[in-house]
Every structure is written in C-alpha cells, then in structure tokens.
Amino acid sequence: MSSANLGKRAFPGRHLTNRTGSMLGTLGRTLLIVSLICIALILISPTRTVQLEARTLSAEATLLGEPFGWDLSEGAICIPSLDLDSPVTSPCKDGESFAGLLDGPVRWAQGQQLSVFWSEDDLAIILRSESRDWPAGTVLRIPHAAALRNGALSFTGELSIGQELSPGATGYVLDGTYAFFERGLMTRFFDGTPDIIRKGDLRRGDRARIVCIENWWSKCSHSDRSDEKATTPNLAFASFMPDHAGKAGFHIVALGEETHSALELTYAGRDTSLVIKPNWVQRTAASSGLLALSLLLSVTIPFLAALFPRKHNDPQRSTD
C-alpha cells in the first residue's frame, strides 16, 4: 500500500478539515464579492431630489409648466407710468398708474418671469417680462387678507429665493430648511422609498436656488451648456403661500426635479456661490439599504461559521 493511501486511511479527519476550510474560504470570498457589489449598488445614486422650505420677503420665478393659473382676486393692477406729475391712486405707488382690480384667476404664459415681494401693505407680484395683458414692470398688488383667501400660488419652473443681505436689501430670506433625497440603484430596482441624505438650515440673508450639475450620466432637462461643471437652474414644483400666523414674509415650498441636483447659496461677503450637495460619507451614514445589508451579514456570517465548523486539533501522527 502506498504511503499516500496509508496517510488518507490513518488521518481521515485532516482531509475533511482541509476540505471544509476550502469550502468556507470559497464561501467567504463569494460573500465578500457579493457584499461589495451590493454596497456599490446601494450607494451609487445617479440622481437626487432637493426639497426646500423657506419664509422669505421675496422670490423670483420663471414659469415653465403647469399650473399657470393663479387666483389673484381683489388685486390691484398697477401699470408703470412715466408721468411723475399724475396723482397716485392707492394702493399703487409712485411711478405706477392704477388700471383696475382683478376679479378672478390670471392665466400666465409659459416662460413668464415674475418677482414676488412682501411688504406690510400687500403682496406684490412684479412682471419681469411682458405678459399677454400687461407690459413688463406691471405690479399686481394683492391685500394680505385677499391673499389668504386666494390660497397657494403654484407653478413648475425655475425658482430663486431671497436676496443677498447687502446694504438696503428688503427682500431677504428670514429662515428655512432644505433636505436631499436619494435612491440608490438597488433601491430603485426594488421600488423603495428614498433616503434623506442631508439636511440643513437656511440663514437669514441667504439667496438660494435649486440647480442642476451636468455630468456624463445625468443631463439637465433644459440645459444646452457644454461645461460639465456649470450649474443651471433646476426645474422645481413650487408654491407661494401667505403666512396664516400674521408673521412677516410668505412661505415657499419647492421640490426639485429628480436629476443631479444641488443647492446653490449666495450671500454677501463671498465672491462665489456655495454649492451644497451630499458626499459619500453622508450617503453611507443615512443609507437604509446599507443598514439592512449590515444586519443581513451579521446574521449570515455566524450561520455559515456554525454550518461549517473548523477543527483546530489535528490527529497525532503515529511514531511507530
């Protein structure tokens, strides 16, 4: 009988242990590879959404999608006037000519550019571009009581909130919050809910807008820029609402289009704007999918270790 066969008969446990250890090693490497792939699918998110809430004294909007109808009942139409000697008719101001009252909804055209300002007297909507009925510079002045009755002014388009807190500014942000929502590739596959990756507050005097950053896997929906590092305004569904508690300013709630979104902040004292977006550390810490994978591995690894026990004591060779 050969010495190899003799060794197999004399020490069968040793070969069983080697075979078990090899199987366990293969399973371990396979589990590691699968885990790394799952982590990548969980953390890679080609798009994100930004939600913005703020109380501000001013905002600018470009209306690009429905709804275009705003209920501005009881609002005064104030046409820009070059006749400085003409008497001022309340509620219009200097340089404005009273042209009647609104008695129902106003239907805006696509591409209409507006500015909204709050003051102690009224909520003023300024036409930054010509409309179907009025020239650019027209101001629609809605009393606060009427604005409360008319309800939210909603639209889809580009949005900029507040002004930089420079000397003489009167349209700055008072307070606000923002949140980033993301869904990784695996979460999208299972149609899961997005995770809140990053949250923060708006400071008084921040000028904020939701922007899109071009990259090779996510293009901005209405951008023709070739510079991938450039930011363009992101489409958002937003609403302007008066404050029911009687506080200064009006409320804005906006949800950006799902793309490679970011939040751009501009404020006095800084030469360039600050672009806020989540990083991989925040994405890792907030990922519910990664937490679920960790719990799964914490159960799977001990189970595999119990299923394939390793023997540490080899049988002693006979010296005979």
C-alpha atoms as a PDB file:
ATOM      1  CA  MET A   1       0.000   0.000   0.000  1.00  0.00           C
ATOM      2  CA  SER A   2       1.401   3.393  -0.865  1.00  0.00           C
ATOM      3  CA  SER A   3       2.295   5.913   1.806  1.00  0.00           C
ATOM      4  CA  ALA A   4      -0.292   8.418   0.385  1.00  0.00           C
ATOM      5  CA  ASN A   5      -3.151   5.915   0.751  1.00  0.00           C
ATOM      6  CA  LEU A   6      -1.862   4.959   4.154  1.00  0.00           C
ATOM      7  CA  GLY A   7      -1.928   8.614   5.191  1.00  0.00           C
ATOM      8  CA  LYS A   8      -5.530   9.040   3.987  1.00  0.00           C
ATOM      9  CA  ARG A   9      -6.630   5.957   5.948  1.00  0.00           C
ATOM     10  CA  ALA A  10      -4.677   6.832   9.036  1.00  0.00           C
ATOM     11  CA  PHE A  11      -5.768  10.510   9.218  1.00  0.00           C
ATOM     12  CA  PRO A  12      -9.170  10.978   7.502  1.00  0.00           C
ATOM     13  CA  GLY A  13     -10.115  13.938   9.748  1.00  0.00           C
ATOM     14  CA  ARG A  14      -7.258  16.011   8.412  1.00  0.00           C
ATOM     15  CA  HIS A  15      -8.535  15.803   4.808  1.00  0.00           C
ATOM     16  CA  LEU A  16     -12.111  16.515   5.911  1.00  0.00           C
ATOM     17  CA  THR A  17     -10.890  19.590   7.772  1.00  0.00           C
ATOM     18  CA  ASN A  18      -8.959  20.821   4.736  1.00  0.00           C
ATOM     19  CA  ARG A  19     -11.983  20.309   2.508  1.00  0.00           C
ATOM     20  CA  THR A  20     -14.263  22.160   4.942  1.00  0.00           C
ATOM     21  CA  GLY A  21     -11.778  25.007   5.262  1.00  0.00           C
ATOM     22  CA  SER A  22     -11.550  25.289   1.477  1.00  0.00           C
ATOM     23  CA  MET A  23     -15.340  25.430   1.141  1.00  0.00           C
ATOM     24  CA  LEU A  24     -15.563  28.031   3.898  1.00  0.00           C
ATOM     25  CA  GLY A  25     -12.873  30.121   2.239  1.00  0.00           C
ATOM     26  CA  THR A  26     -14.689  29.980  -1.109  1.00  0.00           C
ATOM     27  CA  LEU A  27     -17.962  30.982   0.529  1.00  0.00           C
ATOM     28  CA  GLY A  28     -16.222  33.808   2.357  1.00  0.00           C
ATOM     29  CA  ARG A  29     -14.690  35.203  -0.819  1.00  0.00           C
ATOM     30  CA  THR A  30     -18.001  34.872  -2.661  1.00  0.00           C
ATOM     31  CA  LEU A  31     -19.842  36.602   0.171  1.00  0.00           C
ATOM     32  CA  LEU A  32     -17.264  39.420   0.175  1.00  0.00           C
ATOM     33  CA  ILE A  33     -17.601  39.992  -3.585  1.00  0.00           C
ATOM     34  CA  VAL A  34     -21.407  39.942  -3.418  1.00  0.00           C
ATOM     35  CA  SER A  35     -21.343  42.350  -0.462  1.00  0.00           C
ATOM     36  CA  LEU A  36     -19.082  44.813  -2.290  1.00  0.00           C
ATOM     37  CA  ILE A  37     -21.360  44.721  -5.345  1.00  0.00           C
ATOM     38  CA  CYS A  38     -24.435  45.311  -3.149  1.00  0.00           C
ATOM     39  CA  ILE A  39     -22.724  48.209  -1.356  1.00  0.00           C
ATOM     40  CA  ALA A  40     -21.863  49.820  -4.694  1.00  0.00           C
ATOM     41  CA  LEU A  41     -25.442  49.407  -5.968  1.00  0.00           C
ATOM     42  CA  ILE A  42     -26.814  50.849  -2.727  1.00  0.00           C
ATOM     43  CA  LEU A  43     -24.517  53.893  -2.598  1.00  0.00           C
ATOM     44  CA  ILE A  44     -24.396  54.788  -6.295  1.00  0.00           C
ATOM     45  CA  SER A  45     -27.236  57.210  -6.946  1.00  0.00           C
ATOM     46  CA  PRO A  46     -27.318  58.805 -10.405  1.00  0.00           C
ATOM     47  CA  THR A  47     -29.953  61.358  -9.396  1.00  0.00           C
ATOM     48  CA  ARG A  48     -31.275  63.113  -6.307  1.00  0.00           C
ATOM     49  CA  THR A  49     -34.099  65.444  -5.291  1.00  0.00           C
ATOM     50  CA  VAL A  50     -33.911  68.643  -3.230  1.00  0.00           C
ATOM     51  CA  GLN A  51     -36.788  69.810  -1.045  1.00  0.00           C
ATOM     52  CA  LEU A  52     -36.745  73.433   0.065  1.00  0.00           C
ATOM     53  CA  GLU A  53     -38.940  75.246   2.574  1.00  0.00           C
ATOM     54  CA  ALA A  54     -38.448  78.903   3.442  1.00  0.00           C
ATOM     55  CA  ARG A  55     -40.052  82.046   4.791  1.00  0.00           C
ATOM     56  CA  THR A  56     -38.862  84.981   2.767  1.00  0.00           C
ATOM     57  CA  LEU A  57     -39.595  88.559   1.824  1.00  0.00           C
ATOM     58  CA  SER A  58     -39.022  87.989  -1.902  1.00  0.00           C
ATOM     59  CA  ALA A  59     -38.600  85.375  -4.603  1.00  0.00           C
ATOM     60  CA  GLU A  60     -38.177  85.161  -8.374  1.00  0.00           C
ATOM     61  CA  ALA A  61     -39.811  82.605 -10.637  1.00  0.00           C
ATOM     62  CA  THR A  62     -39.852  81.642 -14.300  1.00  0.00           C
ATOM     63  CA  LEU A  63     -42.999  79.661 -15.102  1.00  0.00           C
ATOM     64  CA  LEU A  64     -42.273  76.748 -17.447  1.00  0.00           C
ATOM     65  CA  GLY A  65     -45.024  74.238 -16.704  1.00  0.00           C
ATOM     66  CA  GLU A  66     -48.486  73.748 -15.275  1.00  0.00           C
ATOM     67  CA  PRO A  67     -50.245  75.082 -13.313  1.00  0.00           C
ATOM     68  CA  PHE A  68     -50.242  78.511 -14.981  1.00  0.00           C
ATOM     69  CA  GLY A  69     -53.443  79.830 -13.363  1.00  0.00           C
ATOM     70  CA  TRP A  70     -53.144  81.958 -10.204  1.00  0.00           C
ATOM     71  CA  ASP A  71     -56.126  83.254  -8.247  1.00  0.00           C
ATOM     72  CA  LEU A  72     -55.276  86.932  -7.667  1.00  0.00           C
ATOM     73  CA  SER A  73     -58.798  88.150  -6.918  1.00  0.00           C
ATOM     74  CA  GLU A  74     -59.086  91.662  -5.410  1.00  0.00           C
ATOM     75  CA  GLY A  75     -55.588  92.515  -6.565  1.00  0.00           C
ATOM     76  CA  ALA A  76     -54.865  95.975  -7.952  1.00  0.00           C
ATOM     77  CA  ILE A  77     -53.277  96.350 -11.402  1.00  0.00           C
ATOM     78  CA  CYS A  78     -50.557  98.995 -11.293  1.00  0.00           C
ATOM     79  CA  ILE A  79     -49.079  99.845 -14.720  1.00  0.00           C
ATOM     80  CA  PRO A  80     -45.654 101.548 -14.847  1.00  0.00           C
ATOM     81  CA  SER A  81     -46.070 105.259 -15.588  1.00  0.00           C
ATOM     82  CA  LEU A  82     -43.588 107.881 -16.785  1.00  0.00           C
ATOM     83  CA  ASP A  83     -45.893 110.752 -15.807  1.00  0.00           C
ATOM     84  CA  LEU A  84     -44.405 111.785 -12.496  1.00  0.00           C
ATOM     85  CA  ASP A  85     -46.969 114.577 -12.065  1.00  0.00           C
ATOM     86  CA  SER A  86     -50.017 112.293 -12.201  1.00  0.00           C
ATOM     87  CA  PRO A  87     -51.717 111.660  -8.850  1.00  0.00           C
ATOM     88  CA  VAL A  88     -51.051 108.333  -7.187  1.00  0.00           C
ATOM     89  CA  THR A  89     -54.118 106.146  -6.746  1.00  0.00           C
ATOM     90  CA  SER A  90     -53.952 103.769  -3.757  1.00  0.00           C
ATOM     91  CA  PRO A  91     -52.868 101.013  -3.485  1.00  0.00           C
ATOM     92  CA  CYS A  92     -50.438 101.797  -6.326  1.00  0.00           C
ATOM     93  CA  LYS A  93     -47.148 103.527  -5.514  1.00  0.00           C
ATOM     94  CA  ASP A  94     -45.085 106.295  -7.078  1.00  0.00           C
ATOM     95  CA  GLY A  95     -44.334 105.646 -10.728  1.00  0.00           C
ATOM     96  CA  GLU A  96     -47.396 103.420 -11.087  1.00  0.00           C
ATOM     97  CA  SER A  97     -50.784 104.074 -12.667  1.00  0.00           C
ATOM     98  CA  PHE A  98     -53.907 102.330 -11.366  1.00  0.00           C
ATOM     99  CA  ALA A  99     -55.535 100.230 -14.124  1.00  0.00           C
ATOM    100  CA  GLY A 100     -58.315  98.411 -12.265  1.00  0.00           C
ATOM    101  CA  LEU A 101     -58.921  95.435  -9.993  1.00  0.00           C
ATOM    102  CA  LEU A 102     -58.585  91.721 -10.695  1.00  0.00           C
ATOM    103  CA  ASP A 103     -61.794  89.725 -10.271  1.00  0.00           C
ATOM    104  CA  GLY A 104     -60.531  86.202 -10.871  1.00  0.00           C
ATOM    105  CA  PRO A 105     -57.628  83.971 -11.837  1.00  0.00           C
ATOM    106  CA  VAL A 106     -54.775  85.170 -14.032  1.00  0.00           C
ATOM    107  CA  ARG A 107     -53.554  82.794 -16.732  1.00  0.00           C
ATOM    108  CA  TRP A 108     -49.801  83.120 -17.300  1.00  0.00           C
ATOM    109  CA  ALA A 109     -47.966  82.142 -20.474  1.00  0.00           C
ATOM    110  CA  GLN A 110     -45.098  79.668 -20.499  1.00  0.00           C
ATOM    111  CA  GLY A 111     -41.832  81.469 -19.841  1.00  0.00           C
ATOM    112  CA  GLN A 112     -43.410  84.271 -17.813  1.00  0.00           C
ATOM    113  CA  GLN A 113     -40.889  85.821 -15.415  1.00  0.00           C
ATOM    114  CA  LEU A 114     -42.168  87.111 -12.072  1.00  0.00           C
ATOM    115  CA  SER A 115     -40.883  88.573  -8.838  1.00  0.00           C
ATOM    116  CA  VAL A 116     -42.856  88.345  -5.605  1.00  0.00           C
ATOM    117  CA  PHE A 117     -42.301  90.836  -2.752  1.00  0.00           C
ATOM    118  CA  TRP A 118     -43.909  91.010   0.679  1.00  0.00           C
ATOM    119  CA  SER A 119     -44.470  94.305   2.463  1.00  0.00           C
ATOM    120  CA  GLU A 120     -46.629  95.434   5.363  1.00  0.00           C
ATOM    121  CA  ASP A 121     -49.174  96.776   2.869  1.00  0.00           C
ATOM    122  CA  ASP A 122     -49.586  93.912   0.403  1.00  0.00           C
ATOM    123  CA  LEU A 123     -48.124  91.026  -1.550  1.00  0.00           C
ATOM    124  CA  ALA A 124     -46.705  92.469  -4.769  1.00  0.00           C
ATOM    125  CA  ILE A 125     -46.219  90.394  -7.934  1.00  0.00           C
ATOM    126  CA  ILE A 126     -43.942  92.192 -10.396  1.00  0.00           C
ATOM    127  CA  LEU A 127     -43.848  91.201 -14.064  1.00  0.00           C
ATOM    128  CA  ARG A 128     -40.198  90.967 -15.116  1.00  0.00           C
ATOM    129  CA  SER A 129     -41.271  90.108 -18.663  1.00  0.00           C
ATOM    130  CA  GLU A 130     -44.229  91.184 -20.781  1.00  0.00           C
ATOM    131  CA  SER A 131     -47.434  89.179 -20.393  1.00  0.00           C
ATOM    132  CA  ARG A 132     -50.491  88.758 -22.612  1.00  0.00           C
ATOM    133  CA  ASP A 133     -52.260  91.669 -20.932  1.00  0.00           C
ATOM    134  CA  TRP A 134     -49.671  93.913 -19.303  1.00  0.00           C
ATOM    135  CA  PRO A 135     -46.204  95.305 -20.045  1.00  0.00           C
ATOM    136  CA  ALA A 136     -43.058  94.376 -18.158  1.00  0.00           C
ATOM    137  CA  GLY A 137     -42.800  96.278 -14.881  1.00  0.00           C
ATOM    138  CA  THR A 138     -46.511  95.945 -14.079  1.00  0.00           C
ATOM    139  CA  VAL A 139     -47.197  95.307 -10.393  1.00  0.00           C
ATOM    140  CA  LEU A 140     -50.175  93.300  -9.149  1.00  0.00           C
ATOM    141  CA  ARG A 141     -50.788  94.291  -5.518  1.00  0.00           C
ATOM    142  CA  ILE A 142     -52.865  91.801  -3.518  1.00  0.00           C
ATOM    143  CA  PRO A 143     -54.038  92.734   0.013  1.00  0.00           C
ATOM    144  CA  HIS A 144     -52.913  90.225   2.653  1.00  0.00           C
ATOM    145  CA  ALA A 145     -56.488  89.278   3.573  1.00  0.00           C
ATOM    146  CA  ALA A 146     -57.266  88.541  -0.085  1.00  0.00           C
ATOM    147  CA  ALA A 147     -54.025  86.563  -0.477  1.00  0.00           C
ATOM    148  CA  LEU A 148     -55.095  84.340   2.429  1.00  0.00           C
ATOM    149  CA  ARG A 149     -58.477  83.709   0.798  1.00  0.00           C
ATOM    150  CA  ASN A 150     -56.990  83.057  -2.650  1.00  0.00           C
ATOM    151  CA  GLY A 151     -54.696  80.298  -1.422  1.00  0.00           C
ATOM    152  CA  ALA A 152     -51.394  78.950  -2.714  1.00  0.00           C
ATOM    153  CA  LEU A 153     -49.819  80.169  -5.951  1.00  0.00           C
ATOM    154  CA  SER A 154     -48.278  77.063  -7.525  1.00  0.00           C
ATOM    155  CA  PHE A 155     -46.161  76.558 -10.622  1.00  0.00           C
ATOM    156  CA  THR A 156     -43.477  74.429 -12.256  1.00  0.00           C
ATOM    157  CA  GLY A 157     -40.343  76.261 -13.299  1.00  0.00           C
ATOM    158  CA  GLU A 158     -37.158  77.920 -12.116  1.00  0.00           C
ATOM    159  CA  LEU A 159     -37.030  79.435  -8.646  1.00  0.00           C
ATOM    160  CA  SER A 160     -34.719  81.785  -6.776  1.00  0.00           C
ATOM    161  CA  ILE A 161     -35.449  82.677  -3.136  1.00  0.00           C
ATOM    162  CA  GLY A 162     -34.424  85.866  -1.373  1.00  0.00           C
ATOM    163  CA  GLN A 163     -31.750  88.490  -1.876  1.00  0.00           C
ATOM    164  CA  GLU A 164     -28.206  88.852  -0.620  1.00  0.00           C
ATOM    165  CA  LEU A 165     -28.094  90.699   2.686  1.00  0.00           C
ATOM    166  CA  SER A 166     -26.395  93.797   1.268  1.00  0.00           C
ATOM    167  CA  PRO A 167     -26.993  97.400   2.417  1.00  0.00           C
ATOM    168  CA  GLY A 168     -30.571  98.430   1.719  1.00  0.00           C
ATOM    169  CA  ALA A 169     -31.824  94.917   0.924  1.00  0.00           C
ATOM    170  CA  THR A 170     -35.514  94.406   1.724  1.00  0.00           C
ATOM    171  CA  GLY A 171     -36.247  91.032   0.128  1.00  0.00           C
ATOM    172  CA  TYR A 172     -34.020  88.654   2.070  1.00  0.00           C
ATOM    173  CA  VAL A 173     -34.762  85.161   3.380  1.00  0.00           C
ATOM    174  CA  LEU A 174     -35.930  85.063   7.005  1.00  0.00           C
ATOM    175  CA  ASP A 175     -35.493  81.338   7.706  1.00  0.00           C
ATOM    176  CA  GLY A 176     -35.770  77.984   6.001  1.00  0.00           C
ATOM    177  CA  THR A 177     -34.661  74.374   5.699  1.00  0.00           C
ATOM    178  CA  TYR A 178     -33.534  72.035   2.937  1.00  0.00           C
ATOM    179  CA  ALA A 179     -33.251  68.271   2.510  1.00  0.00           C
ATOM    180  CA  PHE A 180     -31.693  65.977  -0.097  1.00  0.00           C
ATOM    181  CA  PHE A 181     -33.443  62.727  -1.054  1.00  0.00           C
ATOM    182  CA  GLU A 182     -31.683  59.892  -2.881  1.00  0.00           C
ATOM    183  CA  ARG A 183     -32.432  56.372  -4.073  1.00  0.00           C
ATOM    184  CA  GLY A 184     -29.552  54.062  -4.953  1.00  0.00           C
ATOM    185  CA  LEU A 185     -29.625  51.739  -7.933  1.00  0.00           C
ATOM    186  CA  MET A 186     -30.686  48.765  -5.796  1.00  0.00           C
ATOM    187  CA  THR A 187     -33.412  50.800  -4.083  1.00  0.00           C
ATOM    188  CA  ARG A 188     -34.756  51.805  -7.489  1.00  0.00           C
ATOM    189  CA  PHE A 189     -34.810  48.169  -8.580  1.00  0.00           C
ATOM    190  CA  PHE A 190     -36.992  47.234  -5.588  1.00  0.00           C
ATOM    191  CA  ASP A 191     -39.025  50.458  -5.909  1.00  0.00           C
ATOM    192  CA  GLY A 192     -38.044  51.552  -2.413  1.00  0.00           C
ATOM    193  CA  THR A 193     -38.581  54.931  -0.808  1.00  0.00           C
ATOM    194  CA  PRO A 194     -35.748  57.490  -0.974  1.00  0.00           C
ATOM    195  CA  ASP A 195     -33.459  58.205   1.972  1.00  0.00           C
ATOM    196  CA  ILE A 196     -32.917  61.656   3.467  1.00  0.00           C
ATOM    197  CA  ILE A 197     -29.177  62.003   2.851  1.00  0.00           C
ATOM    198  CA  ARG A 198     -28.532  65.550   4.049  1.00  0.00           C
ATOM    199  CA  LYS A 199     -30.482  68.258   5.852  1.00  0.00           C
ATOM    200  CA  GLY A 200     -29.668  71.819   6.795  1.00  0.00           C
ATOM    201  CA  ASP A 201     -30.943  75.308   7.557  1.00  0.00           C
ATOM    202  CA  LEU A 202     -31.027  78.494   5.527  1.00  0.00           C
ATOM    203  CA  ARG A 203     -29.530  81.516   7.221  1.00  0.00           C
ATOM    204  CA  ARG A 204     -31.111  84.937   7.152  1.00  0.00           C
ATOM    205  CA  GLY A 205     -29.780  86.667   4.059  1.00  0.00           C
ATOM    206  CA  ASP A 206     -29.017  83.558   2.021  1.00  0.00           C
ATOM    207  CA  ARG A 207     -30.064  83.709  -1.612  1.00  0.00           C
ATOM    208  CA  ALA A 208     -30.982  80.143  -2.540  1.00  0.00           C
ATOM    209  CA  ARG A 209     -31.880  78.311  -5.710  1.00  0.00           C
ATOM    210  CA  ILE A 210     -32.129  74.650  -6.721  1.00  0.00           C
ATOM    211  CA  VAL A 211     -29.645  73.921  -9.506  1.00  0.00           C
ATOM    212  CA  CYS A 212     -28.600  71.030 -11.730  1.00  0.00           C
ATOM    213  CA  ILE A 213     -24.985  69.963 -12.292  1.00  0.00           C
ATOM    214  CA  GLU A 214     -24.261  68.335 -15.628  1.00  0.00           C
ATOM    215  CA  ASN A 215     -22.269  65.090 -15.707  1.00  0.00           C
ATOM    216  CA  TRP A 216     -21.839  62.155 -18.056  1.00  0.00           C
ATOM    217  CA  TRP A 217     -24.680  60.049 -16.587  1.00  0.00           C
ATOM    218  CA  SER A 218     -27.217  62.770 -15.745  1.00  0.00           C
ATOM    219  CA  LYS A 219     -28.108  65.660 -18.048  1.00  0.00           C
ATOM    220  CA  CYS A 220     -30.106  68.706 -17.031  1.00  0.00           C
ATOM    221  CA  SER A 221     -33.511  68.676 -18.686  1.00  0.00           C
ATOM    222  CA  HIS A 222     -33.373  72.172 -20.230  1.00  0.00           C
ATOM    223  CA  SER A 223     -29.675  72.966 -20.416  1.00  0.00           C
ATOM    224  CA  ASP A 224     -27.521  73.382 -23.504  1.00  0.00           C
ATOM    225  CA  ARG A 225     -24.278  74.072 -21.676  1.00  0.00           C
ATOM    226  CA  SER A 226     -21.171  72.155 -22.651  1.00  0.00           C
ATOM    227  CA  ASP A 227     -19.300  72.812 -19.396  1.00  0.00           C
ATOM    228  CA  GLU A 228     -19.991  69.813 -17.157  1.00  0.00           C
ATOM    229  CA  LYS A 229     -19.041  71.798 -14.033  1.00  0.00           C
ATOM    230  CA  ALA A 230     -21.502  74.614 -14.714  1.00  0.00           C
ATOM    231  CA  THR A 231     -24.726  74.834 -12.734  1.00  0.00           C
ATOM    232  CA  THR A 232     -28.061  75.613 -14.329  1.00  0.00           C
ATOM    233  CA  PRO A 233     -31.409  76.305 -12.670  1.00  0.00           C
ATOM    234  CA  ASN A 234     -33.246  73.086 -11.948  1.00  0.00           C
ATOM    235  CA  LEU A 235     -36.940  72.678 -12.613  1.00  0.00           C
ATOM    236  CA  ALA A 236     -38.980  72.691  -9.414  1.00  0.00           C
ATOM    237  CA  PHE A 237     -42.601  72.336  -8.428  1.00  0.00           C
ATOM    238  CA  ALA A 238     -43.152  75.201  -6.004  1.00  0.00           C
ATOM    239  CA  SER A 239     -45.890  77.080  -4.174  1.00  0.00           C
ATOM    240  CA  PHE A 240     -46.061  80.562  -2.644  1.00  0.00           C
ATOM    241  CA  MET A 241     -48.294  80.763   0.446  1.00  0.00           C
ATOM    242  CA  PRO A 242     -49.124  83.632   2.812  1.00  0.00           C
ATOM    243  CA  ASP A 243     -48.325  83.232   6.483  1.00  0.00           C
ATOM    244  CA  HIS A 244     -51.515  82.407   8.425  1.00  0.00           C
ATOM    245  CA  ALA A 245     -49.955  83.454  11.728  1.00  0.00           C
ATOM    246  CA  GLY A 246     -49.504  87.028  10.555  1.00  0.00           C
ATOM    247  CA  LYS A 247     -45.703  86.913  10.564  1.00  0.00           C
ATOM    248  CA  ALA A 248     -43.608  88.888   8.123  1.00  0.00           C
ATOM    249  CA  GLY A 249     -42.926  87.286   4.747  1.00  0.00           C
ATOM    250  CA  PHE A 250     -44.550  84.452   2.810  1.00  0.00           C
ATOM    251  CA  HIS A 251     -43.802  80.740   2.689  1.00  0.00           C
ATOM    252  CA  ILE A 252     -42.274  78.794  -0.178  1.00  0.00           C
ATOM    253  CA  VAL A 253     -42.291  75.010  -0.544  1.00  0.00           C
ATOM    254  CA  ALA A 254     -40.357  73.622  -3.521  1.00  0.00           C
ATOM    255  CA  LEU A 255     -39.388  70.161  -4.722  1.00  0.00           C
ATOM    256  CA  GLY A 256     -36.713  69.973  -7.385  1.00  0.00           C
ATOM    257  CA  GLU A 257     -36.836  67.712 -10.407  1.00  0.00           C
ATOM    258  CA  GLU A 258     -35.105  64.356  -9.887  1.00  0.00           C
ATOM    259  CA  THR A 259     -31.719  64.846 -11.530  1.00  0.00           C
ATOM    260  CA  HIS A 260     -28.131  65.577 -10.415  1.00  0.00           C
ATOM    261  CA  SER A 261     -29.451  68.357  -8.163  1.00  0.00           C
ATOM    262  CA  ALA A 262     -27.696  70.660  -5.719  1.00  0.00           C
ATOM    263  CA  LEU A 263     -28.497  73.746  -3.671  1.00  0.00           C
ATOM    264  CA  GLU A 264     -26.715  76.968  -4.578  1.00  0.00           C
ATOM    265  CA  LEU A 265     -26.360  79.625  -1.877  1.00  0.00           C
ATOM    266  CA  THR A 266     -25.169  83.173  -2.469  1.00  0.00           C
ATOM    267  CA  TYR A 267     -24.624  85.686   0.278  1.00  0.00           C
ATOM    268  CA  ALA A 268     -22.854  88.980   0.875  1.00  0.00           C
ATOM    269  CA  GLY A 269     -19.161  88.705   1.662  1.00  0.00           C
ATOM    270  CA  ARG A 270     -18.500  85.718  -0.587  1.00  0.00           C
ATOM    271  CA  ASP A 271     -17.259  86.178  -4.153  1.00  0.00           C
ATOM    272  CA  THR A 272     -18.523  82.849  -5.468  1.00  0.00           C
ATOM    273  CA  SER A 273     -21.672  80.910  -4.725  1.00  0.00           C
ATOM    274  CA  LEU A 274     -21.621  77.914  -2.401  1.00  0.00           C
ATOM    275  CA  VAL A 275     -22.903  74.685  -3.964  1.00  0.00           C
ATOM    276  CA  ILE A 276     -24.250  72.202  -1.395  1.00  0.00           C
ATOM    277  CA  LYS A 277     -24.684  68.512  -2.209  1.00  0.00           C
ATOM    278  CA  PRO A 278     -24.288  65.250  -0.265  1.00  0.00           C
ATOM    279  CA  ASN A 279     -20.939  63.454  -0.091  1.00  0.00           C
ATOM    280  CA  TRP A 280     -20.272  59.722   0.181  1.00  0.00           C
ATOM    281  CA  VAL A 281     -19.843  59.874   3.982  1.00  0.00           C
ATOM    282  CA  GLN A 282     -23.330  61.356   4.450  1.00  0.00           C
ATOM    283  CA  ARG A 283     -24.730  58.922   1.902  1.00  0.00           C
ATOM    284  CA  THR A 284     -23.217  55.981   3.782  1.00  0.00           C
ATOM    285  CA  ALA A 285     -24.408  57.167   7.191  1.00  0.00           C
ATOM    286  CA  ALA A 286     -28.000  57.738   6.042  1.00  0.00           C
ATOM    287  CA  SER A 287     -28.495  54.714   3.784  1.00  0.00           C
ATOM    288  CA  SER A 288     -31.274  52.393   4.946  1.00  0.00           C
ATOM    289  CA  GLY A 289     -30.191  49.845   2.326  1.00  0.00           C
ATOM    290  CA  LEU A 290     -26.684  49.690   3.774  1.00  0.00           C
ATOM    291  CA  LEU A 291     -28.121  49.226   7.254  1.00  0.00           C
ATOM    292  CA  ALA A 292     -30.273  46.337   6.002  1.00  0.00           C
ATOM    293  CA  LEU A 293     -27.238  44.748   4.322  1.00  0.00           C
ATOM    294  CA  SER A 294     -25.222  45.047   7.553  1.00  0.00           C
ATOM    295  CA  LEU A 295     -27.981  43.323   9.532  1.00  0.00           C
ATOM    296  CA  LEU A 296     -28.172  40.564   6.912  1.00  0.00           C
ATOM    297  CA  LEU A 297     -24.429  39.953   7.037  1.00  0.00           C
ATOM    298  CA  SER A 298     -24.429  39.948  10.853  1.00  0.00           C
ATOM    299  CA  VAL A 299     -26.887  37.017  10.711  1.00  0.00           C
ATOM    300  CA  THR A 300     -25.414  35.220   7.699  1.00  0.00           C
ATOM    301  CA  ILE A 301     -21.760  35.088   8.770  1.00  0.00           C
ATOM    302  CA  PRO A 302     -22.348  33.384  12.157  1.00  0.00           C
ATOM    303  CA  PHE A 303     -24.738  30.943  10.472  1.00  0.00           C
ATOM    304  CA  LEU A 304     -22.127  29.954   7.905  1.00  0.00           C
ATOM    305  CA  ALA A 305     -19.489  29.631  10.611  1.00  0.00           C
ATOM    306  CA  ALA A 306     -21.761  27.265  12.564  1.00  0.00           C
ATOM    307  CA  LEU A 307     -22.640  25.302   9.434  1.00  0.00           C
ATOM    308  CA  PHE A 308     -19.000  24.684   8.530  1.00  0.00           C
ATOM    309  CA  PRO A 309     -17.104  24.355  11.846  1.00  0.00           C
ATOM    310  CA  ARG A 310     -13.353  24.294  11.654  1.00  0.00           C
ATOM    311  CA  LYS A 311     -11.378  21.694  13.592  1.00  0.00           C
ATOM    312  CA  HIS A 312      -8.300  23.059  15.264  1.00  0.00           C
ATOM    313  CA  ASN A 313      -6.765  19.814  16.635  1.00  0.00           C
ATOM    314  CA  ASP A 314      -5.079  17.604  14.053  1.00  0.00           C
ATOM    315  CA  PRO A 315      -4.746  13.903  14.834  1.00  0.00           C
ATOM    316  CA  GLN A 316      -1.343  12.963  16.157  1.00  0.00           C
ATOM    317  CA  ARG A 317       0.913  11.053  13.787  1.00  0.00           C
ATOM    318  CA  SER A 318       1.932   7.668  14.969  1.00  0.00           C
ATOM    319  CA  THR A 319       5.622   7.343  15.510  1.00  0.00           C
ATOM    320  CA  ASP A 320       5.539   3.607  15.033  1.00  0.00           C
END
